[in-house]
Amino acid sequence: MPKIEAVHDGKDGTLIGYYFFCPGCQTLHGPMVAHSQGYKGPKWAFNGNLEKPTFSPSILVYEHPTQPRCHSFVREGRIQFLSDCGHELAGKTVDLPELPEWAQ
């Protein structure tokens, strides 16, 4: 079972990022590694390893009504949750989980 999944631009099929399942938020997070048409947001570096991915810099997902704030590093296939997370995994490091079936 995969731990990350590629995201492609819907217009031209270009690889623009990856997503992974966050066990703290119980949802997907998706660092972008390239810009799609019209996207001007941040871009992350990726080590190219699909089994033990590393993204940098940190991944910050701001709090909204259905999800807590989440701030983490993904390094060598592990998620290091920073202490400013709004969920129970704040300050902990866990293995990157497999993607749930609904996300594949």
PDB file of N, CA and C in Angstrom:
ATOM      1  N   MET A   1       0.844  -1.181   0.000  1.00  0.00           N
ATOM      2  CA  MET A   1       0.000   0.000   0.000  1.00  0.00           C
ATOM      3  C   MET A   1       0.889   1.243   0.000  1.00  0.00           C
ATOM      4  N   PRO A   2       0.545   2.235  -0.808  1.00  0.00           N
ATOM      5  CA  PRO A   2       1.356   3.451  -0.876  1.00  0.00           C
ATOM      6  C   PRO A   2       1.182   4.337   0.354  1.00  0.00           C
ATOM      7  N   LYS A   3       2.216   5.139   0.625  1.00  0.00           N
ATOM      8  CA  LYS A   3       2.164   6.097   1.727  1.00  0.00           C
ATOM      9  C   LYS A   3       1.972   7.514   1.214  1.00  0.00           C
ATOM     10  N   ILE A   4       2.335   7.752  -0.039  1.00  0.00           N
ATOM     11  CA  ILE A   4       2.083   9.046  -0.664  1.00  0.00           C
ATOM     12  C   ILE A   4       1.521   8.811  -2.060  1.00  0.00           C
ATOM     13  N   GLU A   5       0.831   9.796  -2.567  1.00  0.00           N
ATOM     14  CA  GLU A   5       0.223   9.691  -3.892  1.00  0.00           C
ATOM     15  C   GLU A   5       0.541  10.966  -4.663  1.00  0.00           C
ATOM     16  N   ALA A   6       0.853  10.830  -5.933  1.00  0.00           N
ATOM     17  CA  ALA A   6       1.167  11.982  -6.776  1.00  0.00           C
ATOM     18  C   ALA A   6      -0.094  12.777  -7.101  1.00  0.00           C
ATOM     19  N   VAL A   7       0.088  14.086  -7.223  1.00  0.00           N
ATOM     20  CA  VAL A   7      -0.984  15.001  -7.634  1.00  0.00           C
ATOM     21  C   VAL A   7      -0.547  15.627  -8.951  1.00  0.00           C
ATOM     22  N   HIS A   8      -1.425  15.552  -9.948  1.00  0.00           N
ATOM     23  CA  HIS A   8      -1.115  16.113 -11.268  1.00  0.00           C
ATOM     24  C   HIS A   8      -2.052  17.258 -11.594  1.00  0.00           C
ATOM     25  N   ASP A   9      -1.536  18.211 -12.347  1.00  0.00           N
ATOM     26  CA  ASP A   9      -2.343  19.336 -12.808  1.00  0.00           C
ATOM     27  C   ASP A   9      -3.464  18.800 -13.697  1.00  0.00           C
ATOM     28  N   GLY A  10      -4.689  19.222 -13.431  1.00  0.00           N
ATOM     29  CA  GLY A  10      -5.837  18.747 -14.199  1.00  0.00           C
ATOM     30  C   GLY A  10      -5.867  19.239 -15.626  1.00  0.00           C
ATOM     31  N   LYS A  11      -5.116  20.283 -15.928  1.00  0.00           N
ATOM     32  CA  LYS A  11      -5.126  20.844 -17.282  1.00  0.00           C
ATOM     33  C   LYS A  11      -4.118  20.180 -18.206  1.00  0.00           C
ATOM     34  N   ASP A  12      -2.893  19.989 -17.702  1.00  0.00           N
ATOM     35  CA  ASP A  12      -1.870  19.437 -18.597  1.00  0.00           C
ATOM     36  C   ASP A  12      -1.201  18.163 -18.079  1.00  0.00           C
ATOM     37  N   GLY A  13      -1.600  17.674 -16.905  1.00  0.00           N
ATOM     38  CA  GLY A  13      -1.070  16.425 -16.382  1.00  0.00           C
ATOM     39  C   GLY A  13       0.290  16.516 -15.728  1.00  0.00           C
ATOM     40  N   THR A  14       0.834  17.711 -15.580  1.00  0.00           N
ATOM     41  CA  THR A  14       2.137  17.900 -14.959  1.00  0.00           C
ATOM     42  C   THR A  14       2.092  17.511 -13.486  1.00  0.00           C
ATOM     43  N   LEU A  15       3.120  16.823 -13.006  1.00  0.00           N
ATOM     44  CA  LEU A  15       3.230  16.504 -11.592  1.00  0.00           C
ATOM     45  C   LEU A  15       3.410  17.798 -10.812  1.00  0.00           C
ATOM     46  N   ILE A  16       2.546  18.040  -9.829  1.00  0.00           N
ATOM     47  CA  ILE A  16       2.649  19.278  -9.050  1.00  0.00           C
ATOM     48  C   ILE A  16       2.856  19.030  -7.553  1.00  0.00           C
ATOM     49  N   GLY A  17       2.607  17.821  -7.085  1.00  0.00           N
ATOM     50  CA  GLY A  17       2.795  17.577  -5.665  1.00  0.00           C
ATOM     51  C   GLY A  17       2.455  16.157  -5.270  1.00  0.00           C
ATOM     52  N   TYR A  18       2.373  15.963  -3.972  1.00  0.00           N
ATOM     53  CA  TYR A  18       2.054  14.658  -3.397  1.00  0.00           C
ATOM     54  C   TYR A  18       1.128  14.884  -2.221  1.00  0.00           C
ATOM     55  N   TYR A  19       0.357  13.881  -1.878  1.00  0.00           N
ATOM     56  CA  TYR A  19      -0.404  13.983  -0.647  1.00  0.00           C
ATOM     57  C   TYR A  19      -0.143  12.755   0.207  1.00  0.00           C
ATOM     58  N   PHE A  20      -0.350  12.942   1.512  1.00  0.00           N
ATOM     59  CA  PHE A  20      -0.186  11.864   2.476  1.00  0.00           C
ATOM     60  C   PHE A  20      -1.292  11.992   3.513  1.00  0.00           C
ATOM     61  N   PHE A  21      -1.535  10.905   4.227  1.00  0.00           N
ATOM     62  CA  PHE A  21      -2.561  10.903   5.264  1.00  0.00           C
ATOM     63  C   PHE A  21      -1.941  11.334   6.576  1.00  0.00           C
ATOM     64  N   CYS A  22      -2.547  12.333   7.207  1.00  0.00           N
ATOM     65  CA  CYS A  22      -2.090  12.819   8.504  1.00  0.00           C
ATOM     66  C   CYS A  22      -2.907  12.128   9.592  1.00  0.00           C
ATOM     67  N   PRO A  23      -2.278  11.309  10.440  1.00  0.00           N
ATOM     68  CA  PRO A  23      -3.028  10.624  11.487  1.00  0.00           C
ATOM     69  C   PRO A  23      -3.500  11.563  12.599  1.00  0.00           C
ATOM     70  N   GLY A  24      -2.911  12.734  12.720  1.00  0.00           N
ATOM     71  CA  GLY A  24      -3.354  13.698  13.721  1.00  0.00           C
ATOM     72  C   GLY A  24      -4.632  14.395  13.307  1.00  0.00           C
ATOM     73  N   CYS A  25      -4.718  14.777  12.040  1.00  0.00           N
ATOM     74  CA  CYS A  25      -5.897  15.483  11.521  1.00  0.00           C
ATOM     75  C   CYS A  25      -6.938  14.531  10.942  1.00  0.00           C
ATOM     76  N   GLN A  26      -6.522  13.293  10.661  1.00  0.00           N
ATOM     77  CA  GLN A  26      -7.393  12.301  10.026  1.00  0.00           C
ATOM     78  C   GLN A  26      -7.850  12.765   8.640  1.00  0.00           C
ATOM     79  N   THR A  27      -6.938  13.410   7.931  1.00  0.00           N
ATOM     80  CA  THR A  27      -7.221  13.882   6.577  1.00  0.00           C
ATOM     81  C   THR A  27      -5.915  13.922   5.782  1.00  0.00           C
ATOM     82  N   LEU A  28      -5.987  14.358   4.538  1.00  0.00           N
ATOM     83  CA  LEU A  28      -4.820  14.428   3.664  1.00  0.00           C
ATOM     84  C   LEU A  28      -4.162  15.800   3.746  1.00  0.00           C
ATOM     85  N   HIS A  29      -2.840  15.806   3.638  1.00  0.00           N
ATOM     86  CA  HIS A  29      -2.067  17.038   3.472  1.00  0.00           C
ATOM     87  C   HIS A  29      -1.299  16.883   2.168  1.00  0.00           C
ATOM     88  N   GLY A  30      -1.131  17.967   1.436  1.00  0.00           N
ATOM     89  CA  GLY A  30      -0.513  17.871   0.121  1.00  0.00           C
ATOM     90  C   GLY A  30       0.515  18.927  -0.185  1.00  0.00           C
ATOM     91  N   PRO A  31       1.787  18.676   0.133  1.00  0.00           N
ATOM     92  CA  PRO A  31       2.825  19.635  -0.237  1.00  0.00           C
ATOM     93  C   PRO A  31       3.016  19.687  -1.754  1.00  0.00           C
ATOM     94  N   MET A  32       3.061  20.884  -2.292  1.00  0.00           N
ATOM     95  CA  MET A  32       3.241  21.100  -3.726  1.00  0.00           C
ATOM     96  C   MET A  32       4.738  21.181  -4.031  1.00  0.00           C
ATOM     97  N   VAL A  33       5.187  20.456  -5.042  1.00  0.00           N
ATOM     98  CA  VAL A  33       6.605  20.470  -5.417  1.00  0.00           C
ATOM     99  C   VAL A  33       6.855  21.243  -6.711  1.00  0.00           C
ATOM    100  N   ALA A  34       5.792  21.649  -7.372  1.00  0.00           N
ATOM    101  CA  ALA A  34       5.890  22.457  -8.588  1.00  0.00           C
ATOM    102  C   ALA A  34       4.625  23.306  -8.672  1.00  0.00           C
ATOM    103  N   HIS A  35       4.674  24.346  -9.447  1.00  0.00           N
ATOM    104  CA  HIS A  35       3.508  25.219  -9.585  1.00  0.00           C
ATOM    105  C   HIS A  35       2.671  24.824 -10.792  1.00  0.00           C
ATOM    106  N   SER A  36       1.368  24.715 -10.563  1.00  0.00           N
ATOM    107  CA  SER A  36       0.446  24.510 -11.670  1.00  0.00           C
ATOM    108  C   SER A  36       0.030  25.879 -12.175  1.00  0.00           C
ATOM    109  N   GLN A  37      -0.686  25.905 -13.251  1.00  0.00           N
ATOM    110  CA  GLN A  37      -1.141  27.175 -13.812  1.00  0.00           C
ATOM    111  C   GLN A  37      -2.004  27.893 -12.792  1.00  0.00           C
ATOM    112  N   GLY A  38      -1.638  29.123 -12.481  1.00  0.00           N
ATOM    113  CA  GLY A  38      -2.418  29.935 -11.569  1.00  0.00           C
ATOM    114  C   GLY A  38      -2.071  29.764 -10.105  1.00  0.00           C
ATOM    115  N   TYR A  39      -1.312  28.732  -9.726  1.00  0.00           N
ATOM    116  CA  TYR A  39      -0.944  28.525  -8.326  1.00  0.00           C
ATOM    117  C   TYR A  39       0.302  29.330  -8.006  1.00  0.00           C
ATOM    118  N   LYS A  40       0.207  30.187  -7.024  1.00  0.00           N
ATOM    119  CA  LYS A  40       1.337  31.046  -6.672  1.00  0.00           C
ATOM    120  C   LYS A  40       1.843  30.789  -5.258  1.00  0.00           C
ATOM    121  N   GLY A  41       1.351  29.747  -4.607  1.00  0.00           N
ATOM    122  CA  GLY A  41       1.708  29.472  -3.219  1.00  0.00           C
ATOM    123  C   GLY A  41       3.102  28.891  -3.065  1.00  0.00           C
ATOM    124  N   PRO A  42       3.411  28.421  -1.852  1.00  0.00           N
ATOM    125  CA  PRO A  42       4.745  27.883  -1.573  1.00  0.00           C
ATOM    126  C   PRO A  42       5.019  26.575  -2.304  1.00  0.00           C
ATOM    127  N   LYS A  43       6.294  26.253  -2.396  1.00  0.00           N
ATOM    128  CA  LYS A  43       6.746  25.047  -3.060  1.00  0.00           C
ATOM    129  C   LYS A  43       7.703  24.316  -2.123  1.00  0.00           C
ATOM    130  N   TRP A  44       7.583  22.984  -2.063  1.00  0.00           N
ATOM    131  CA  TRP A  44       8.419  22.178  -1.181  1.00  0.00           C
ATOM    132  C   TRP A  44       9.439  21.389  -1.983  1.00  0.00           C
ATOM    133  N   ALA A  45      10.586  21.144  -1.386  1.00  0.00           N
ATOM    134  CA  ALA A  45      11.573  20.239  -1.963  1.00  0.00           C
ATOM    135  C   ALA A  45      11.165  18.812  -1.586  1.00  0.00           C
ATOM    136  N   PHE A  46      11.434  17.865  -2.463  1.00  0.00           N
ATOM    137  CA  PHE A  46      11.096  16.456  -2.247  1.00  0.00           C
ATOM    138  C   PHE A  46      12.314  15.620  -2.597  1.00  0.00           C
ATOM    139  N   ASN A  47      12.640  14.632  -1.749  1.00  0.00           N
ATOM    140  CA  ASN A  47      13.827  13.809  -1.982  1.00  0.00           C
ATOM    141  C   ASN A  47      13.646  12.750  -3.062  1.00  0.00           C
ATOM    142  N   GLY A  48      12.422  12.588  -3.602  1.00  0.00           N
ATOM    143  CA  GLY A  48      12.180  11.625  -4.672  1.00  0.00           C
ATOM    144  C   GLY A  48      11.970  10.198  -4.205  1.00  0.00           C
ATOM    145  N   ASN A  49      12.030   9.939  -2.912  1.00  0.00           N
ATOM    146  CA  ASN A  49      11.886   8.595  -2.376  1.00  0.00           C
ATOM    147  C   ASN A  49      10.423   8.348  -2.001  1.00  0.00           C
ATOM    148  N   LEU A  50       9.742   7.499  -2.764  1.00  0.00           N
ATOM    149  CA  LEU A  50       8.327   7.229  -2.517  1.00  0.00           C
ATOM    150  C   LEU A  50       8.104   6.359  -1.279  1.00  0.00           C
ATOM    151  N   GLU A  51       9.123   5.591  -0.865  1.00  0.00           N
ATOM    152  CA  GLU A  51       9.009   4.737   0.319  1.00  0.00           C
ATOM    153  C   GLU A  51       9.307   5.497   1.610  1.00  0.00           C
ATOM    154  N   LYS A  52      10.292   6.381   1.565  1.00  0.00           N
ATOM    155  CA  LYS A  52      10.682   7.171   2.739  1.00  0.00           C
ATOM    156  C   LYS A  52      10.824   8.635   2.324  1.00  0.00           C
ATOM    157  N   PRO A  53       9.687   9.266   2.046  1.00  0.00           N
ATOM    158  CA  PRO A  53       9.741  10.637   1.539  1.00  0.00           C
ATOM    159  C   PRO A  53      10.215  11.642   2.587  1.00  0.00           C
ATOM    160  N   THR A  54      10.868  12.689   2.080  1.00  0.00           N
ATOM    161  CA  THR A  54      11.232  13.858   2.868  1.00  0.00           C
ATOM    162  C   THR A  54      10.774  15.081   2.090  1.00  0.00           C
ATOM    163  N   PHE A  55      10.045  15.949   2.767  1.00  0.00           N
ATOM    164  CA  PHE A  55       9.628  17.226   2.188  1.00  0.00           C
ATOM    165  C   PHE A  55      10.211  18.328   3.054  1.00  0.00           C
ATOM    166  N   SER A  56      10.636  19.408   2.420  1.00  0.00           N
ATOM    167  CA  SER A  56      11.087  20.550   3.199  1.00  0.00           C
ATOM    168  C   SER A  56      10.709  21.832   2.461  1.00  0.00           C
ATOM    169  N   PRO A  57      10.376  22.881   3.181  1.00  0.00           N
ATOM    170  CA  PRO A  57      10.449  23.043   4.630  1.00  0.00           C
ATOM    171  C   PRO A  57       9.280  22.347   5.330  1.00  0.00           C
ATOM    172  N   SER A  58       8.966  22.792   6.543  1.00  0.00           N
ATOM    173  CA  SER A  58       7.863  22.209   7.301  1.00  0.00           C
ATOM    174  C   SER A  58       6.537  22.432   6.579  1.00  0.00           C
ATOM    175  N   ILE A  59       5.557  21.631   6.942  1.00  0.00           N
ATOM    176  CA  ILE A  59       4.220  21.710   6.353  1.00  0.00           C
ATOM    177  C   ILE A  59       3.289  22.279   7.424  1.00  0.00           C
ATOM    178  N   LEU A  60       2.704  23.425   7.129  1.00  0.00           N
ATOM    179  CA  LEU A  60       1.810  24.088   8.073  1.00  0.00           C
ATOM    180  C   LEU A  60       0.413  24.146   7.481  1.00  0.00           C
ATOM    181  N   VAL A  61      -0.532  23.539   8.178  1.00  0.00           N
ATOM    182  CA  VAL A  61      -1.937  23.556   7.767  1.00  0.00           C
ATOM    183  C   VAL A  61      -2.677  24.339   8.836  1.00  0.00           C
ATOM    184  N   TYR A  62      -3.225  25.474   8.440  1.00  0.00           N
ATOM    185  CA  TYR A  62      -3.909  26.332   9.404  1.00  0.00           C
ATOM    186  C   TYR A  62      -5.239  25.750   9.831  1.00  0.00           C
ATOM    187  N   GLU A  63      -5.608  26.043  11.055  1.00  0.00           N
ATOM    188  CA  GLU A  63      -6.866  25.570  11.615  1.00  0.00           C
ATOM    189  C   GLU A  63      -8.052  26.140  10.842  1.00  0.00           C
ATOM    190  N   HIS A  64      -9.051  25.305  10.645  1.00  0.00           N
ATOM    191  CA  HIS A  64     -10.337  25.750  10.108  1.00  0.00           C
ATOM    192  C   HIS A  64     -11.418  24.904  10.770  1.00  0.00           C
ATOM    193  N   PRO A  65     -12.689  25.152  10.514  1.00  0.00           N
ATOM    194  CA  PRO A  65     -13.754  24.509  11.294  1.00  0.00           C
ATOM    195  C   PRO A  65     -13.720  22.983  11.359  1.00  0.00           C
ATOM    196  N   THR A  66     -13.190  22.312  10.354  1.00  0.00           N
ATOM    197  CA  THR A  66     -13.214  20.844  10.383  1.00  0.00           C
ATOM    198  C   THR A  66     -11.849  20.219  10.653  1.00  0.00           C
ATOM    199  N   GLN A  67     -10.843  21.044  10.953  1.00  0.00           N
ATOM    200  CA  GLN A  67      -9.499  20.500  11.124  1.00  0.00           C
ATOM    201  C   GLN A  67      -8.680  21.376  12.070  1.00  0.00           C
ATOM    202  N   PRO A  68      -7.902  20.756  12.966  1.00  0.00           N
ATOM    203  CA  PRO A  68      -7.039  21.549  13.849  1.00  0.00           C
ATOM    204  C   PRO A  68      -5.823  22.079  13.086  1.00  0.00           C
ATOM    205  N   ARG A  69      -5.130  23.029  13.675  1.00  0.00           N
ATOM    206  CA  ARG A  69      -3.854  23.485  13.120  1.00  0.00           C
ATOM    207  C   ARG A  69      -2.896  22.297  13.152  1.00  0.00           C
ATOM    208  N   CYS A  70      -2.103  22.147  12.105  1.00  0.00           N
ATOM    209  CA  CYS A  70      -1.139  21.051  12.037  1.00  0.00           C
ATOM    210  C   CYS A  70       0.162  21.602  11.472  1.00  0.00           C
ATOM    211  N   HIS A  71       1.259  21.322  12.154  1.00  0.00           N
ATOM    212  CA  HIS A  71       2.574  21.798  11.731  1.00  0.00           C
ATOM    213  C   HIS A  71       3.546  20.638  11.894  1.00  0.00           C
ATOM    214  N   SER A  72       4.168  20.238  10.792  1.00  0.00           N
ATOM    215  CA  SER A  72       5.005  19.042  10.853  1.00  0.00           C
ATOM    216  C   SER A  72       6.133  19.085   9.834  1.00  0.00           C
ATOM    217  N   PHE A  73       7.100  18.214  10.060  1.00  0.00           N
ATOM    218  CA  PHE A  73       8.125  17.885   9.076  1.00  0.00           C
ATOM    219  C   PHE A  73       7.876  16.442   8.650  1.00  0.00           C
ATOM    220  N   VAL A  74       8.061  16.150   7.380  1.00  0.00           N
ATOM    221  CA  VAL A  74       8.063  14.768   6.899  1.00  0.00           C
ATOM    222  C   VAL A  74       9.499  14.486   6.487  1.00  0.00           C
ATOM    223  N   ARG A  75      10.130  13.571   7.231  1.00  0.00           N
ATOM    224  CA  ARG A  75      11.544  13.253   7.009  1.00  0.00           C
ATOM    225  C   ARG A  75      11.743  11.745   7.037  1.00  0.00           C
ATOM    226  N   GLU A  76      12.338  11.236   5.961  1.00  0.00           N
ATOM    227  CA  GLU A  76      12.684   9.811   5.869  1.00  0.00           C
ATOM    228  C   GLU A  76      11.497   8.906   6.213  1.00  0.00           C
ATOM    229  N   GLY A  77      10.298   9.278   5.744  1.00  0.00           N
ATOM    230  CA  GLY A  77       9.127   8.440   5.940  1.00  0.00           C
ATOM    231  C   GLY A  77       8.492   8.538   7.314  1.00  0.00           C
ATOM    232  N   ARG A  78       8.848   9.556   8.076  1.00  0.00           N
ATOM    233  CA  ARG A  78       8.266   9.769   9.399  1.00  0.00           C
ATOM    234  C   ARG A  78       7.727  11.192   9.485  1.00  0.00           C
ATOM    235  N   ILE A  79       6.652  11.364  10.246  1.00  0.00           N
ATOM    236  CA  ILE A  79       6.071  12.691  10.454  1.00  0.00           C
ATOM    237  C   ILE A  79       6.454  13.158  11.850  1.00  0.00           C
ATOM    238  N   GLN A  80       7.149  14.285  11.897  1.00  0.00           N
ATOM    239  CA  GLN A  80       7.513  14.892  13.170  1.00  0.00           C
ATOM    240  C   GLN A  80       6.536  16.048  13.401  1.00  0.00           C
ATOM    241  N   PHE A  81       5.599  15.857  14.317  1.00  0.00           N
ATOM    242  CA  PHE A  81       4.609  16.888  14.617  1.00  0.00           C
ATOM    243  C   PHE A  81       5.218  17.881  15.602  1.00  0.00           C
ATOM    244  N   LEU A  82       5.128  19.148  15.286  1.00  0.00           N
ATOM    245  CA  LEU A  82       5.680  20.177  16.148  1.00  0.00           C
ATOM    246  C   LEU A  82       4.722  20.476  17.298  1.00  0.00           C
ATOM    247  N   SER A  83       5.230  21.134  18.316  1.00  0.00           N
ATOM    248  CA  SER A  83       4.443  21.361  19.533  1.00  0.00           C
ATOM    249  C   SER A  83       3.286  22.331  19.344  1.00  0.00           C
ATOM    250  N   ASP A  84       3.253  23.078  18.227  1.00  0.00           N
ATOM    251  CA  ASP A  84       2.150  24.019  17.996  1.00  0.00           C
ATOM    252  C   ASP A  84       0.964  23.383  17.261  1.00  0.00           C
ATOM    253  N   CYS A  85       0.969  22.062  17.119  1.00  0.00           N
ATOM    254  CA  CYS A  85      -0.183  21.368  16.527  1.00  0.00           C
ATOM    255  C   CYS A  85      -1.369  21.432  17.486  1.00  0.00           C
ATOM    256  N   GLY A  86      -2.564  21.401  16.931  1.00  0.00           N
ATOM    257  CA  GLY A  86      -3.770  21.430  17.742  1.00  0.00           C
ATOM    258  C   GLY A  86      -4.407  20.070  17.930  1.00  0.00           C
ATOM    259  N   HIS A  87      -3.646  18.998  17.783  1.00  0.00           N
ATOM    260  CA  HIS A  87      -4.192  17.652  17.977  1.00  0.00           C
ATOM    261  C   HIS A  87      -3.302  16.840  18.908  1.00  0.00           C
ATOM    262  N   GLU A  88      -3.726  15.627  19.208  1.00  0.00           N
ATOM    263  CA  GLU A  88      -3.067  14.807  20.226  1.00  0.00           C
ATOM    264  C   GLU A  88      -1.668  14.322  19.847  1.00  0.00           C
ATOM    265  N   LEU A  89      -1.250  14.479  18.599  1.00  0.00           N
ATOM    266  CA  LEU A  89       0.086  14.042  18.202  1.00  0.00           C
ATOM    267  C   LEU A  89       1.124  15.172  18.287  1.00  0.00           C
ATOM    268  N   ALA A  90       0.733  16.333  18.798  1.00  0.00           N
ATOM    269  CA  ALA A  90       1.672  17.452  18.957  1.00  0.00           C
ATOM    270  C   ALA A  90       2.896  16.994  19.744  1.00  0.00           C
ATOM    271  N   GLY A  91       4.076  17.304  19.217  1.00  0.00           N
ATOM    272  CA  GLY A  91       5.321  16.949  19.889  1.00  0.00           C
ATOM    273  C   GLY A  91       5.781  15.519  19.685  1.00  0.00           C
ATOM    274  N   LYS A  92       5.060  14.730  18.911  1.00  0.00           N
ATOM    275  CA  LYS A  92       5.410  13.322  18.692  1.00  0.00           C
ATOM    276  C   LYS A  92       5.893  13.095  17.264  1.00  0.00           C
ATOM    277  N   THR A  93       6.617  12.003  17.063  1.00  0.00           N
ATOM    278  CA  THR A  93       7.063  11.575  15.740  1.00  0.00           C
ATOM    279  C   THR A  93       6.502  10.181  15.490  1.00  0.00           C
ATOM    280  N   VAL A  94       5.885  10.002  14.313  1.00  0.00           N
ATOM    281  CA  VAL A  94       5.266   8.714  13.971  1.00  0.00           C
ATOM    282  C   VAL A  94       5.653   8.330  12.548  1.00  0.00           C
ATOM    283  N   ASP A  95       5.578   7.038  12.255  1.00  0.00           N
ATOM    284  CA  ASP A  95       5.800   6.580  10.885  1.00  0.00           C
ATOM    285  C   ASP A  95       4.683   7.105   9.993  1.00  0.00           C
ATOM    286  N   LEU A  96       5.031   7.446   8.782  1.00  0.00           N
ATOM    287  CA  LEU A  96       4.030   7.860   7.798  1.00  0.00           C
ATOM    288  C   LEU A  96       3.111   6.671   7.537  1.00  0.00           C
ATOM    289  N   PRO A  97       1.804   6.833   7.775  1.00  0.00           N
ATOM    290  CA  PRO A  97       0.904   5.691   7.584  1.00  0.00           C
ATOM    291  C   PRO A  97       0.609   5.436   6.111  1.00  0.00           C
ATOM    292  N   GLU A  98       0.120   4.242   5.827  1.00  0.00           N
ATOM    293  CA  GLU A  98      -0.343   3.957   4.472  1.00  0.00           C
ATOM    294  C   GLU A  98      -1.571   4.808   4.188  1.00  0.00           C
ATOM    295  N   LEU A  99      -1.769   5.118   2.921  1.00  0.00           N
ATOM    296  CA  LEU A  99      -2.956   5.880   2.538  1.00  0.00           C
ATOM    297  C   LEU A  99      -4.206   5.028   2.749  1.00  0.00           C
ATOM    298  N   PRO A 100      -5.260   5.616   3.290  1.00  0.00           N
ATOM    299  CA  PRO A 100      -6.510   4.842   3.387  1.00  0.00           C
ATOM    300  C   PRO A 100      -7.047   4.541   1.997  1.00  0.00           C
ATOM    301  N   GLU A 101      -7.844   3.500   1.879  1.00  0.00           N
ATOM    302  CA  GLU A 101      -8.377   3.103   0.578  1.00  0.00           C
ATOM    303  C   GLU A 101      -9.127   4.250  -0.110  1.00  0.00           C
ATOM    304  N   TRP A 102      -9.860   5.058   0.655  1.00  0.00           N
ATOM    305  CA  TRP A 102     -10.643   6.141   0.057  1.00  0.00           C
ATOM    306  C   TRP A 102      -9.767   7.216  -0.565  1.00  0.00           C
ATOM    307  N   ALA A 103      -8.469   7.240  -0.246  1.00  0.00           N
ATOM    308  CA  ALA A 103      -7.567   8.263  -0.778  1.00  0.00           C
ATOM    309  C   ALA A 103      -6.736   7.796  -1.967  1.00  0.00           C
ATOM    310  N   GLN A 104      -6.871   6.529  -2.341  1.00  0.00           N
ATOM    311  CA  GLN A 104      -6.049   5.996  -3.433  1.00  0.00           C
ATOM    312  C   GLN A 104      -6.749   6.097  -4.768  1.00  0.00           C
TER     313      GLN A 104
END
